[in-house]
Amino acid sequence: MQFGAPDEDTPKITRDAEPENFFQTNLDKASAQEKMKDPLLLIVAAWIGFMAVASTVIILNGVN
């Protein structure tokens, strides 16, 4: 007997025996419209857009 080893009577977990949605979170199950309502997604998208516009303005103005 080894510490942490599974018992002989429990079946071994395989990809075939694992349910398809075993590792899904609530966000994975949400529709695309519900995912777009996430405030963190909106904040990150706004930040990336702001950085793109700001860097373009800085490059075009020639600020070193």
C-alpha atoms as a PDB file:
ATOM      1  CA  MET A   1       0.000   0.000   0.000  1.00  0.00           C
ATOM      2  CA  GLN A   2       1.357   3.396  -1.010  1.00  0.00           C
ATOM      3  CA  PHE A   3       0.413   6.743   0.511  1.00  0.00           C
ATOM      4  CA  GLY A   4      -1.858   8.727  -1.826  1.00  0.00           C
ATOM      5  CA  ALA A   5      -2.416   5.806  -4.146  1.00  0.00           C
ATOM      6  CA  PRO A   6      -6.010   5.162  -5.212  1.00  0.00           C
ATOM      7  CA  ASP A   7      -7.826   2.180  -3.847  1.00  0.00           C
ATOM      8  CA  GLU A   8      -8.014  -0.920  -5.996  1.00  0.00           C
ATOM      9  CA  ASP A   9     -11.828  -0.810  -6.112  1.00  0.00           C
ATOM     10  CA  THR A  10     -12.116   2.782  -7.444  1.00  0.00           C
ATOM     11  CA  PRO A  11     -12.060   3.091 -11.234  1.00  0.00           C
ATOM     12  CA  LYS A  12      -9.213   4.921 -12.901  1.00  0.00           C
ATOM     13  CA  ILE A  13     -10.118   8.334 -14.359  1.00  0.00           C
ATOM     14  CA  THR A  14      -9.677   8.471 -18.119  1.00  0.00           C
ATOM     15  CA  ARG A  15     -10.637  10.995 -20.785  1.00  0.00           C
ATOM     16  CA  ASP A  16     -13.441   8.725 -21.931  1.00  0.00           C
ATOM     17  CA  ALA A  17     -14.900   8.369 -18.428  1.00  0.00           C
ATOM     18  CA  GLU A  18     -14.705  12.109 -17.665  1.00  0.00           C
ATOM     19  CA  PRO A  19     -17.841  14.144 -18.358  1.00  0.00           C
ATOM     20  CA  GLU A  20     -17.515  16.751 -21.120  1.00  0.00           C
ATOM     21  CA  ASN A  21     -18.571  19.674 -18.932  1.00  0.00           C
ATOM     22  CA  PHE A  22     -16.661  18.662 -15.797  1.00  0.00           C
ATOM     23  CA  PHE A  23     -14.231  21.593 -15.825  1.00  0.00           C
ATOM     24  CA  GLN A  24     -16.672  24.258 -17.100  1.00  0.00           C
ATOM     25  CA  THR A  25     -17.226  27.363 -15.012  1.00  0.00           C
ATOM     26  CA  ASN A  26     -20.348  29.489 -14.885  1.00  0.00           C
ATOM     27  CA  LEU A  27     -18.715  31.975 -17.285  1.00  0.00           C
ATOM     28  CA  ASP A  28     -18.046  29.164 -19.775  1.00  0.00           C
ATOM     29  CA  LYS A  29     -21.726  28.243 -19.701  1.00  0.00           C
ATOM     30  CA  ALA A  30     -22.865  31.863 -20.246  1.00  0.00           C
ATOM     31  CA  SER A  31     -23.950  33.127 -23.638  1.00  0.00           C
ATOM     32  CA  ALA A  32     -21.877  35.622 -25.608  1.00  0.00           C
ATOM     33  CA  GLN A  33     -24.194  38.477 -24.631  1.00  0.00           C
ATOM     34  CA  GLU A  34     -23.795  37.671 -20.935  1.00  0.00           C
ATOM     35  CA  LYS A  35     -20.013  37.540 -21.306  1.00  0.00           C
ATOM     36  CA  MET A  36     -19.981  41.026 -22.848  1.00  0.00           C
ATOM     37  CA  LYS A  37     -21.680  42.417 -19.720  1.00  0.00           C
ATOM     38  CA  ASP A  38     -18.685  41.509 -17.572  1.00  0.00           C
ATOM     39  CA  PRO A  39     -17.230  44.788 -16.227  1.00  0.00           C
ATOM     40  CA  LEU A  40     -13.670  43.482 -16.234  1.00  0.00           C
ATOM     41  CA  LEU A  41     -13.891  42.738 -19.945  1.00  0.00           C
ATOM     42  CA  LEU A  42     -15.142  46.260 -20.636  1.00  0.00           C
ATOM     43  CA  ILE A  43     -12.377  47.821 -18.529  1.00  0.00           C
ATOM     44  CA  VAL A  44      -9.646  45.802 -20.262  1.00  0.00           C
ATOM     45  CA  ALA A  45     -11.046  46.544 -23.735  1.00  0.00           C
ATOM     46  CA  ALA A  46     -11.237  50.274 -22.926  1.00  0.00           C
ATOM     47  CA  TRP A  47      -7.675  50.251 -21.553  1.00  0.00           C
ATOM     48  CA  ILE A  48      -6.294  48.531 -24.660  1.00  0.00           C
ATOM     49  CA  GLY A  49      -8.149  50.990 -26.888  1.00  0.00           C
ATOM     50  CA  PHE A  50      -6.892  53.957 -24.887  1.00  0.00           C
ATOM     51  CA  MET A  51      -3.302  52.727 -25.022  1.00  0.00           C
ATOM     52  CA  ALA A  52      -3.525  52.193 -28.794  1.00  0.00           C
ATOM     53  CA  VAL A  53      -4.870  55.715 -29.375  1.00  0.00           C
ATOM     54  CA  ALA A  54      -2.397  57.290 -26.945  1.00  0.00           C
ATOM     55  CA  SER A  55       0.602  55.523 -28.469  1.00  0.00           C
ATOM     56  CA  THR A  56      -0.528  56.491 -31.990  1.00  0.00           C
ATOM     57  CA  VAL A  57      -0.824  60.141 -30.959  1.00  0.00           C
ATOM     58  CA  ILE A  58       2.591  60.080 -29.305  1.00  0.00           C
ATOM     59  CA  ILE A  59       4.237  58.464 -32.323  1.00  0.00           C
ATOM     60  CA  LEU A  60       2.593  60.839 -34.811  1.00  0.00           C
ATOM     61  CA  ASN A  61       3.541  63.894 -32.767  1.00  0.00           C
ATOM     62  CA  GLY A  62       7.151  62.801 -32.574  1.00  0.00           C
ATOM     63  CA  VAL A  63       7.428  63.026 -28.799  1.00  0.00           C
ATOM     64  CA  ASN A  64      10.595  61.316 -27.626  1.00  0.00           C
END
